Amino acid sequence: MRVGRTGNFFARRRPLYASAVTQSDQQAPHFLVIGGGPAGTAFATTAAARGAAVTLVEKEIVGGAAHLHDCIPSKTMVASAIRVSVLRDAAKLGLTIDPAKVDMATLSARIKAITGDINRSRTALLESQGVEIVHGEGSFMDDHTARVVTEDGERVIPFDKALVATGSVPRVPDWAPVDGERVLTTRDAYDLPEVPEHLIVIGSGVTGVEFVHIFQSLGAKVTLVVSRQQILPHRDPEVAAVLEEDFLDRGVKLLIGARAVGIDLEGDEVVVRCDDGRVARGSHALLAIGSVPSTANLGLENAGVETDNGYLVVDEMQRTSVPHIYGAGDCTGQLPLSSVAAMQGRKIALHALGVPVTPVDYSKAAQAVFTEPEIASVGLEEVEAAAEGRKVRTTKVPFAANERAVLQGYTRGFVKVISDPATGVVLGGTIVGHRASELISAVALAVTARVTVSQLVDTLMVHPSMSEAIADAAE
């Protein structure tokens, strides 16, 4: 079975294979990469820097479609949304500022400029290291040969080892008539001619709540359709409660426990029908209900590569059922983060070259939700410990007790530290608050280095700073 996006990342693994690296593999290996996202580019640069011949096949954009058509654009919009929110709240700090106006054309142009710069820099780095970039659609002919269809024709590429890192695309159910104008996927949201008058966001996971924050901040009315009993259903209820409170204060309408089952276009309105009979009416609807792996038409069956619902089945070292073909990133169904994919790519390249490496430790991956307040976590969470029946020590401090947060006007949220009651070692932490994505780095380092709560308490933080709340929470 594949490694799922949620649940225990280690329980659903293929058994480890014996090392397939031989002396002949190391003499002049030719590596093929299908997919030029964070995993593919990290693999290519790492392998090429160590003398391997690498051919990278990418059909859309070097840098990764999911990365440059989803992640970077959404975070660019978040940056603008935060600025607007700051201006609107300026009166609380004794400032009088004219209401902010959003120019969607300028914002869209900025997104395109940033993604273009990343694409060019990634391409230049790969080329500087001698990586051959082939623009086209690749597929396997057998377990050592691939075919690439390019604008100039078809090309056959033999390889010693390969990496499949083709990412994912937004999931579109049969009941959603996506037209890119009023019924949108996330990738349609970055080039709108104007801010929607009333946006209905379907899906309350990480992507959904980020878009609620973005478009509400930019001036749209927003309704969020929540299929579960809380937003961010896989998160700590305390975390969800803080964000729900913020959304309600902003005027966001929440349809809790309503699962969308249909979308109708009625004149100028978009009508979202839910399974409990409730209906949401707006000017636009945006789907944020997950993604599906981009593995169709890769000819994986020709190479003997096993899949599970389209996801590559991999072992601890990211090998597929064919040991010299690896998988990484979103197409494996593992933790869908660019940082994780890049780490996978680097480790796979070293493993393919015969360098001893350890598997990626997903339990230590820091992750964030880019709303305002932001939500960030690393390591063990309280809900996970409870589910496992594990005894932990949980300490929490609200930002309302932090001097820097108070003087800046960012008092919503908290810092929570999870530690081992016997040893005092920090096992994890959650931060909800302004710039939580930056603050969590200190907790991530503590988890990785097995720092104790006593050491955190003894750390002299800058005063006044929001980072002091981490030491306060540890104490």
Protein backbone atom coordinates (compact mmCIF):
# COMPACT_ATOMS: atom_id res chain seq x y z
CA MET A 1 0.00 0.00 0.00
CA ARG A 2 1.13 3.55 -0.61
CA VAL A 3 2.19 5.98 2.04
CA GLY A 4 -0.87 8.13 2.65
CA ARG A 5 -1.05 11.90 3.00
CA THR A 6 -2.38 11.55 6.50
CA GLY A 7 -1.90 9.07 9.31
CA ASN A 8 1.27 7.16 10.14
CA PHE A 9 3.84 7.76 7.41
CA PHE A 10 5.88 4.77 8.48
CA ALA A 11 3.16 2.15 8.81
CA ARG A 12 2.33 1.97 5.10
CA ARG A 13 5.73 1.42 3.55
CA ARG A 14 7.14 -1.17 1.22
CA PRO A 15 9.84 -3.36 2.83
CA LEU A 16 13.39 -2.17 2.27
CA TYR A 17 15.22 -3.69 -0.66
CA ALA A 18 18.82 -4.77 -0.46
CA SER A 19 21.07 -2.11 -1.92
CA ALA A 20 20.99 -2.18 -5.69
CA VAL A 21 24.12 -0.03 -6.11
CA THR A 22 27.06 -1.77 -7.77
CA GLN A 23 30.48 -0.65 -8.89
CA SER A 24 29.30 -0.42 -12.48
CA ASP A 25 26.45 1.84 -11.36
CA GLN A 26 28.97 4.24 -9.88
CA GLN A 27 31.31 4.46 -12.90
CA ALA A 28 29.20 6.56 -15.26
CA PRO A 29 25.56 6.50 -14.16
CA HIS A 30 22.94 8.17 -16.29
CA PHE A 31 19.99 9.38 -14.25
CA LEU A 32 16.61 10.33 -15.67
CA VAL A 33 14.28 12.70 -13.81
CA ILE A 34 10.66 13.08 -14.88
CA GLY A 35 9.34 16.21 -13.22
CA GLY A 36 11.22 19.43 -12.56
CA GLY A 37 9.71 20.49 -9.24
CA PRO A 38 11.47 20.79 -5.86
CA ALA A 39 12.21 17.04 -5.68
CA GLY A 40 13.38 16.73 -9.27
CA THR A 41 15.61 19.79 -9.27
CA ALA A 42 17.14 18.91 -5.89
CA PHE A 43 17.88 15.40 -7.13
CA ALA A 44 19.35 16.68 -10.39
CA THR A 45 21.65 19.29 -8.85
CA THR A 46 22.83 16.92 -6.10
CA ALA A 47 23.57 14.07 -8.53
CA ALA A 48 25.18 16.29 -11.17
CA ALA A 49 27.43 17.96 -8.59
CA ARG A 50 28.79 14.50 -7.81
CA GLY A 51 29.56 13.56 -11.38
CA ALA A 52 26.42 11.84 -12.62
CA ALA A 53 24.96 12.51 -16.06
CA VAL A 54 21.43 13.76 -15.52
CA THR A 55 18.58 14.34 -17.96
CA LEU A 56 15.57 16.20 -16.55
CA VAL A 57 12.24 16.04 -18.40
CA GLU A 58 9.63 18.69 -17.62
CA LYS A 59 6.43 19.26 -19.59
CA GLU A 60 5.29 22.54 -17.98
CA ILE A 61 7.70 24.70 -15.99
CA VAL A 62 11.09 24.05 -14.40
CA GLY A 63 10.56 24.66 -10.71
CA GLY A 64 7.40 22.57 -10.62
CA ALA A 65 3.81 23.20 -11.64
CA ALA A 66 2.42 22.58 -8.15
CA HIS A 67 5.16 24.80 -6.68
CA LEU A 68 5.03 27.67 -9.17
CA HIS A 69 1.34 27.46 -10.09
CA ASP A 70 0.05 26.94 -6.53
CA CYS A 71 2.46 27.41 -3.63
CA ILE A 72 4.41 30.50 -4.69
CA PRO A 73 1.40 32.37 -6.17
CA SER A 74 -0.74 31.75 -3.09
CA LYS A 75 2.00 32.92 -0.73
CA THR A 76 2.53 35.99 -2.91
CA MET A 77 -1.16 36.79 -2.54
CA VAL A 78 -0.89 36.16 1.20
CA ALA A 79 1.84 38.80 1.39
CA SER A 80 -0.48 41.34 -0.23
CA ALA A 81 -3.41 40.28 1.92
CA ILE A 82 -1.39 40.76 5.10
CA ARG A 83 -0.38 44.27 4.01
CA VAL A 84 -4.03 45.15 3.41
CA SER A 85 -5.00 43.80 6.83
CA VAL A 86 -2.25 45.85 8.48
CA LEU A 87 -3.48 49.03 6.80
CA ARG A 88 -7.07 48.35 7.82
CA ASP A 89 -6.01 47.82 11.44
CA ALA A 90 -3.72 50.86 11.52
CA ALA A 91 -6.22 52.89 13.53
CA LYS A 92 -5.61 50.57 16.50
CA LEU A 93 -2.03 51.85 16.55
CA GLY A 94 -3.03 55.50 16.34
CA LEU A 95 -2.56 55.82 12.58
CA THR A 96 -4.97 57.25 10.02
CA ILE A 97 -4.51 55.72 6.58
CA ASP A 98 -6.78 55.83 3.56
CA PRO A 99 -8.44 52.47 2.83
CA ALA A 100 -6.21 50.20 0.78
CA LYS A 101 -7.20 49.56 -2.83
CA VAL A 102 -6.33 46.28 -4.54
CA ASP A 103 -5.13 46.35 -8.15
CA MET A 104 -5.57 42.74 -9.30
CA ALA A 105 -3.74 43.35 -12.58
CA THR A 106 -0.63 44.55 -10.72
CA LEU A 107 -0.89 41.69 -8.24
CA SER A 108 -1.20 39.12 -11.04
CA ALA A 109 1.78 40.66 -12.84
CA ARG A 110 3.82 40.45 -9.64
CA ILE A 111 2.97 36.77 -9.27
CA LYS A 112 4.04 36.07 -12.85
CA ALA A 113 7.27 38.01 -12.37
CA ILE A 114 8.18 36.09 -9.21
CA THR A 115 7.39 32.66 -10.66
CA GLY A 116 9.28 33.61 -13.82
CA ASP A 117 12.35 34.59 -11.81
CA ILE A 118 12.27 31.29 -9.90
CA ASN A 119 11.90 29.35 -13.14
CA ARG A 120 14.86 31.12 -14.71
CA SER A 121 17.09 30.76 -11.64
CA ARG A 122 16.33 27.03 -11.32
CA THR A 123 16.98 26.53 -15.02
CA ALA A 124 20.27 28.44 -14.86
CA LEU A 125 21.43 26.42 -11.83
CA LEU A 126 20.66 23.11 -13.54
CA GLU A 127 22.38 24.16 -16.76
CA SER A 128 25.44 25.41 -14.87
CA GLN A 129 25.87 21.92 -13.44
CA GLY A 130 25.56 20.22 -16.81
CA VAL A 131 22.03 18.89 -16.33
CA GLU A 132 20.32 18.31 -19.67
CA ILE A 133 16.80 19.77 -19.65
CA VAL A 134 14.31 18.31 -22.09
CA HIS A 135 10.98 20.12 -22.42
CA GLY A 136 8.29 17.59 -23.19
CA GLU A 137 6.10 14.80 -21.85
CA GLY A 138 7.99 11.74 -20.68
CA SER A 139 6.81 8.17 -20.26
CA PHE A 140 8.43 4.79 -19.67
CA MET A 141 8.85 2.28 -22.49
CA ASP A 142 10.36 -0.26 -20.10
CA ASP A 143 12.32 -0.20 -16.85
CA HIS A 144 15.47 1.26 -18.48
CA THR A 145 14.08 3.31 -21.36
CA ALA A 146 11.86 6.38 -21.58
CA ARG A 147 10.18 8.22 -24.43
CA VAL A 148 9.85 12.00 -24.49
CA VAL A 149 7.45 13.78 -26.83
CA THR A 150 8.74 17.29 -27.54
CA GLU A 151 7.80 20.07 -29.94
CA ASP A 152 10.56 18.82 -32.24
CA GLY A 153 9.44 15.22 -32.21
CA GLU A 154 10.00 12.07 -30.19
CA ARG A 155 13.16 11.14 -28.35
CA VAL A 156 14.15 7.86 -26.68
CA ILE A 157 16.30 8.11 -23.54
CA PRO A 158 18.00 5.09 -21.92
CA PHE A 159 18.81 5.40 -18.22
CA ASP A 160 20.47 3.55 -15.38
CA LYS A 161 18.25 4.96 -12.64
CA ALA A 162 15.24 7.24 -12.65
CA LEU A 163 13.22 9.50 -10.40
CA VAL A 164 9.51 10.17 -10.91
CA ALA A 165 8.58 13.50 -9.32
CA THR A 166 5.60 14.68 -11.34
CA GLY A 167 3.67 16.35 -8.52
CA SER A 168 -0.09 16.76 -8.34
CA VAL A 169 -3.00 18.79 -9.71
CA PRO A 170 -6.11 20.17 -7.98
CA ARG A 171 -8.91 17.63 -7.58
CA VAL A 172 -12.06 18.45 -9.54
CA PRO A 173 -15.14 16.33 -8.74
CA ASP A 174 -17.71 15.43 -11.40
CA TRP A 175 -20.30 17.77 -9.87
CA ALA A 176 -18.14 20.91 -10.28
CA PRO A 177 -18.47 22.68 -13.68
CA VAL A 178 -15.08 24.42 -13.56
CA ASP A 179 -14.88 27.16 -16.18
CA GLY A 180 -11.93 29.20 -14.87
CA GLU A 181 -14.09 32.30 -14.67
CA ARG A 182 -16.72 31.83 -11.96
CA VAL A 183 -16.13 28.24 -10.88
CA LEU A 184 -12.44 28.07 -10.09
CA THR A 185 -9.69 25.72 -9.08
CA THR A 186 -6.90 27.20 -6.99
CA ARG A 187 -4.80 27.67 -10.12
CA ASP A 188 -7.48 29.90 -11.64
CA ALA A 189 -7.44 32.28 -8.67
CA TYR A 190 -4.18 34.09 -9.41
CA ASP A 191 -5.15 35.91 -12.60
CA LEU A 192 -8.64 37.23 -11.91
CA PRO A 193 -9.56 40.57 -13.48
CA GLU A 194 -11.00 41.82 -10.19
CA VAL A 195 -11.63 40.73 -6.61
CA PRO A 196 -14.76 38.53 -6.50
CA GLU A 197 -17.77 40.21 -4.95
CA HIS A 198 -18.70 37.10 -2.96
CA LEU A 199 -16.46 34.03 -3.02
CA ILE A 200 -17.65 30.63 -1.84
CA VAL A 201 -14.67 28.51 -0.80
CA ILE A 202 -15.35 24.77 -0.83
CA GLY A 203 -12.95 22.91 1.45
CA SER A 204 -11.64 23.90 4.88
CA GLY A 205 -8.22 22.30 4.86
CA VAL A 206 -4.97 24.25 4.64
CA THR A 207 -5.54 25.51 1.10
CA GLY A 208 -9.15 26.47 1.73
CA VAL A 209 -8.53 28.55 4.84
CA GLU A 210 -5.59 30.32 3.18
CA PHE A 211 -7.85 31.43 0.34
CA VAL A 212 -10.50 32.56 2.80
CA HIS A 213 -7.89 34.80 4.43
CA ILE A 214 -6.56 36.06 1.09
CA PHE A 215 -9.82 37.08 -0.52
CA GLN A 216 -11.49 38.39 2.62
CA SER A 217 -8.46 40.61 3.19
CA LEU A 218 -8.58 41.79 -0.42
CA GLY A 219 -12.19 42.90 0.05
CA ALA A 220 -14.42 40.00 -0.98
CA LYS A 221 -17.33 38.65 1.00
CA VAL A 222 -16.47 35.02 1.76
CA THR A 223 -18.49 31.93 2.63
CA LEU A 224 -16.58 28.81 3.68
CA VAL A 225 -18.21 25.39 3.21
CA VAL A 226 -16.87 23.11 5.96
CA SER A 227 -17.67 19.42 5.53
CA ARG A 228 -16.55 18.47 9.06
CA GLN A 229 -17.41 19.95 12.45
CA GLN A 230 -14.41 22.30 12.48
CA ILE A 231 -12.13 23.95 9.99
CA LEU A 232 -8.71 22.29 9.62
CA PRO A 233 -10.24 18.93 10.62
CA HIS A 234 -6.93 17.18 11.20
CA ARG A 235 -5.59 19.89 13.49
CA ASP A 236 -5.75 20.51 17.22
CA PRO A 237 -9.28 21.83 18.05
CA GLU A 238 -7.70 24.74 19.96
CA VAL A 239 -5.92 25.77 16.77
CA ALA A 240 -9.09 25.56 14.72
CA ALA A 241 -11.01 27.54 17.33
CA VAL A 242 -8.61 30.50 17.13
CA LEU A 243 -8.88 30.65 13.34
CA GLU A 244 -12.66 30.21 13.38
CA GLU A 245 -12.94 33.10 15.84
CA ASP A 246 -10.81 35.27 13.58
CA PHE A 247 -12.89 34.38 10.52
CA LEU A 248 -16.14 35.21 12.31
CA ASP A 249 -14.70 38.55 13.47
CA ARG A 250 -13.84 39.29 9.84
CA GLY A 251 -17.41 38.56 8.74
CA VAL A 252 -16.72 35.22 7.06
CA LYS A 253 -19.81 33.01 6.91
CA LEU A 254 -19.11 29.42 7.98
CA LEU A 255 -21.31 26.52 6.87
CA ILE A 256 -20.17 23.92 9.40
CA GLY A 257 -20.96 20.26 8.71
CA ALA A 258 -22.05 20.91 5.13
CA ARG A 259 -20.59 18.87 2.27
CA ALA A 260 -20.86 20.42 -1.19
CA VAL A 261 -22.50 18.10 -3.73
CA GLY A 262 -23.28 20.38 -6.65
CA ILE A 263 -22.70 23.78 -8.25
CA ASP A 264 -25.23 25.56 -10.46
CA LEU A 265 -24.87 28.75 -12.47
CA GLU A 266 -28.01 30.89 -12.21
CA GLY A 267 -27.65 34.18 -14.03
CA ASP A 268 -24.90 36.14 -12.33
CA GLU A 269 -24.91 33.84 -9.31
CA VAL A 270 -23.01 30.69 -8.45
CA VAL A 271 -25.10 28.38 -6.28
CA VAL A 272 -23.38 25.72 -4.19
CA ARG A 273 -25.68 22.92 -3.00
CA CYS A 274 -24.83 20.95 0.14
CA ASP A 275 -25.80 17.44 1.22
CA ASP A 276 -27.87 18.71 4.17
CA GLY A 277 -30.04 20.96 1.99
CA ARG A 278 -28.22 24.19 2.73
CA VAL A 279 -27.32 26.44 -0.17
CA ALA A 280 -24.59 29.08 -0.56
CA ARG A 281 -24.98 31.84 -3.16
CA GLY A 282 -22.16 34.03 -4.40
CA SER A 283 -20.47 35.47 -7.46
CA HIS A 284 -17.68 32.86 -7.59
CA ALA A 285 -16.88 29.44 -6.17
CA LEU A 286 -13.39 28.12 -5.52
CA LEU A 287 -12.57 24.42 -5.10
CA ALA A 288 -9.99 23.61 -2.43
CA ILE A 289 -10.74 19.94 -1.86
CA GLY A 290 -7.36 18.35 -2.26
CA SER A 291 -5.25 17.16 -5.15
CA VAL A 292 -4.60 14.07 -7.24
CA PRO A 293 -1.24 12.70 -8.37
CA SER A 294 0.05 13.57 -11.83
CA THR A 295 0.98 10.02 -12.80
CA ALA A 296 -1.40 9.31 -15.67
CA ASN A 297 0.21 8.64 -19.06
CA LEU A 298 3.64 7.99 -17.53
CA GLY A 299 3.71 4.37 -18.73
CA LEU A 300 4.47 3.19 -15.21
CA GLU A 301 2.99 -0.20 -16.01
CA ASN A 302 5.55 -0.62 -18.81
CA ALA A 303 8.32 -0.29 -16.24
CA GLY A 304 6.57 -2.49 -13.67
CA VAL A 305 6.11 0.36 -11.18
CA GLU A 306 3.33 -0.28 -8.66
CA THR A 307 0.77 2.42 -7.84
CA ASP A 308 -2.11 2.79 -5.40
CA ASN A 309 -4.92 5.03 -6.66
CA GLY A 310 -2.37 6.78 -8.84
CA TYR A 311 0.20 7.33 -6.08
CA LEU A 312 3.61 5.70 -6.38
CA VAL A 313 4.21 3.01 -3.78
CA VAL A 314 7.62 3.61 -2.21
CA ASP A 315 9.79 2.26 0.59
CA GLU A 316 11.72 4.15 3.27
CA MET A 317 14.38 5.17 0.75
CA GLN A 318 11.75 6.28 -1.80
CA ARG A 319 12.28 3.26 -4.08
CA THR A 320 9.30 2.00 -6.04
CA SER A 321 8.56 -1.66 -6.76
CA VAL A 322 11.39 -1.36 -9.32
CA PRO A 323 14.41 -0.66 -7.06
CA HIS A 324 16.31 1.56 -9.52
CA ILE A 325 13.24 3.78 -10.08
CA TYR A 326 12.48 6.20 -7.24
CA GLY A 327 9.47 8.38 -6.44
CA ALA A 328 9.32 11.69 -4.57
CA GLY A 329 7.04 14.60 -3.83
CA ASP A 330 3.28 14.85 -4.13
CA CYS A 331 2.97 11.93 -6.54
CA THR A 332 3.89 9.55 -3.70
CA GLY A 333 1.11 10.76 -1.39
CA GLN A 334 3.56 11.63 1.36
CA LEU A 335 3.68 14.87 3.32
CA PRO A 336 2.91 17.41 0.53
CA LEU A 337 5.46 20.11 1.32
CA SER A 338 8.05 21.62 -1.01
CA SER A 339 10.66 21.38 1.75
CA VAL A 340 9.97 17.66 2.15
CA ALA A 341 10.11 17.05 -1.60
CA ALA A 342 13.46 18.83 -1.90
CA MET A 343 14.89 16.83 1.00
CA GLN A 344 13.64 13.62 -0.60
CA GLY A 345 15.31 14.59 -3.87
CA ARG A 346 18.68 15.23 -2.23
CA LYS A 347 18.61 11.99 -0.26
CA ILE A 348 17.50 9.94 -3.27
CA ALA A 349 20.38 11.29 -5.36
CA LEU A 350 22.91 10.32 -2.70
CA HIS A 351 21.33 6.88 -2.26
CA ALA A 352 21.33 6.29 -6.01
CA LEU A 353 25.06 7.12 -6.03
CA GLY A 354 25.73 4.63 -3.24
CA VAL A 355 26.23 7.21 -0.48
CA PRO A 356 24.79 6.04 2.87
CA VAL A 357 21.78 8.13 3.87
CA THR A 358 18.97 7.90 6.40
CA PRO A 359 15.29 8.10 5.43
CA VAL A 360 13.48 11.42 5.71
CA ASP A 361 12.06 11.82 9.22
CA TYR A 362 8.60 13.23 8.51
CA SER A 363 7.85 13.59 12.20
CA LYS A 364 10.34 16.47 12.38
CA ALA A 365 9.03 18.41 9.38
CA ALA A 366 7.85 21.91 10.29
CA GLN A 367 4.72 23.04 8.48
CA ALA A 368 2.57 26.14 8.41
CA VAL A 369 -0.79 27.53 7.40
CA PHE A 370 -0.40 31.03 5.98
CA THR A 371 -3.47 32.75 7.36
CA GLU A 372 -3.49 35.66 9.79
CA PRO A 373 -2.89 34.56 12.48
CA GLU A 374 -0.54 31.97 11.02
CA ILE A 375 -0.51 28.40 12.27
CA ALA A 376 2.72 26.43 12.50
CA SER A 377 3.65 23.12 14.04
CA VAL A 378 6.48 20.61 14.26
CA GLY A 379 6.93 17.21 15.82
CA LEU A 380 4.35 15.59 18.06
CA GLU A 381 0.99 17.33 18.45
CA GLU A 382 -1.28 16.98 21.44
CA VAL A 383 -4.06 15.30 19.44
CA GLU A 384 -1.60 12.70 18.14
CA ALA A 385 -0.32 11.95 21.64
CA ALA A 386 -3.88 11.51 22.89
CA ALA A 387 -4.73 9.19 20.01
CA GLU A 388 -1.67 7.07 20.79
CA GLY A 389 -2.35 7.06 24.53
CA ARG A 390 1.05 8.62 25.06
CA LYS A 391 1.83 10.59 28.21
CA VAL A 392 3.23 14.02 27.46
CA ARG A 393 3.63 17.35 29.24
CA THR A 394 1.80 20.20 27.54
CA THR A 395 2.49 23.82 28.44
CA LYS A 396 0.92 26.85 26.78
CA VAL A 397 1.27 30.63 26.88
CA PRO A 398 -1.09 33.06 25.09
CA PHE A 399 0.40 35.88 23.06
CA ALA A 400 -1.81 38.22 25.09
CA ALA A 401 0.81 37.76 27.84
CA ASN A 402 3.71 38.67 25.52
CA GLU A 403 4.81 42.31 25.59
CA ARG A 404 5.91 42.50 21.94
CA ALA A 405 2.65 40.96 20.77
CA VAL A 406 0.66 43.44 22.84
CA LEU A 407 2.50 46.53 21.61
CA GLN A 408 2.23 45.36 17.99
CA GLY A 409 -1.45 44.50 18.32
CA TYR A 410 -1.01 40.80 17.55
CA THR A 411 -2.39 39.22 20.72
CA ARG A 412 -4.48 36.49 19.13
CA GLY A 413 -3.00 33.00 19.45
CA PHE A 414 -0.62 31.04 21.63
CA VAL A 415 2.54 28.96 21.87
CA LYS A 416 2.19 25.34 22.95
CA VAL A 417 5.18 23.11 23.77
CA ILE A 418 4.93 19.31 24.03
CA SER A 419 7.64 17.54 26.01
CA ASP A 420 8.48 14.19 27.55
CA PRO A 421 7.53 14.34 31.26
CA ALA A 422 10.33 11.94 32.19
CA THR A 423 13.27 13.49 30.31
CA GLY A 424 12.08 17.01 29.58
CA VAL A 425 13.01 16.62 25.90
CA VAL A 426 10.95 18.77 23.55
CA LEU A 427 8.82 16.50 21.34
CA GLY A 428 6.88 19.09 19.42
CA GLY A 429 5.17 22.42 19.42
CA THR A 430 2.39 24.48 17.89
CA ILE A 431 2.32 28.23 17.41
CA VAL A 432 -0.76 30.21 16.42
CA GLY A 433 0.00 33.86 15.90
CA HIS A 434 1.66 36.55 13.83
CA ARG A 435 4.61 35.15 11.85
CA ALA A 436 4.22 31.74 13.45
CA SER A 437 5.89 30.24 10.35
CA GLU A 438 9.12 32.02 11.34
CA LEU A 439 8.85 31.46 15.10
CA ILE A 440 8.37 27.69 14.72
CA SER A 441 11.98 27.34 13.50
CA ALA A 442 13.27 27.59 17.08
CA VAL A 443 10.96 24.78 18.15
CA ALA A 444 11.89 22.71 15.07
CA LEU A 445 15.56 22.98 15.99
CA ALA A 446 14.74 22.01 19.58
CA VAL A 447 12.87 18.90 18.39
CA THR A 448 15.64 17.85 16.00
CA ALA A 449 18.44 18.47 18.52
CA ARG A 450 16.49 16.90 21.40
CA VAL A 451 16.71 20.08 23.45
CA THR A 452 15.07 19.99 26.88
CA VAL A 453 12.50 22.43 28.17
CA SER A 454 15.03 23.54 30.78
CA GLN A 455 17.44 24.54 28.03
CA LEU A 456 14.70 26.49 26.29
CA VAL A 457 13.85 28.28 29.52
CA ASP A 458 17.53 29.16 30.05
CA THR A 459 17.83 30.61 26.52
CA LEU A 460 18.11 34.39 26.65
CA MET A 461 15.76 35.60 23.91
CA VAL A 462 15.63 39.14 22.60
CA HIS A 463 13.40 41.38 24.70
CA PRO A 464 10.82 42.40 23.80
CA SER A 465 10.16 39.75 21.16
CA MET A 466 7.43 37.27 20.34
CA SER A 467 10.05 34.52 20.50
CA GLU A 468 10.12 35.00 24.29
CA ALA A 469 6.75 33.24 24.33
CA ILE A 470 8.52 30.01 23.35
CA ALA A 471 10.69 30.07 26.46
CA ASP A 472 7.71 31.15 28.56
CA ALA A 473 5.66 28.23 27.23
CA ALA A 474 8.46 25.79 27.99
CA GLU A 475 8.54 27.04 31.58
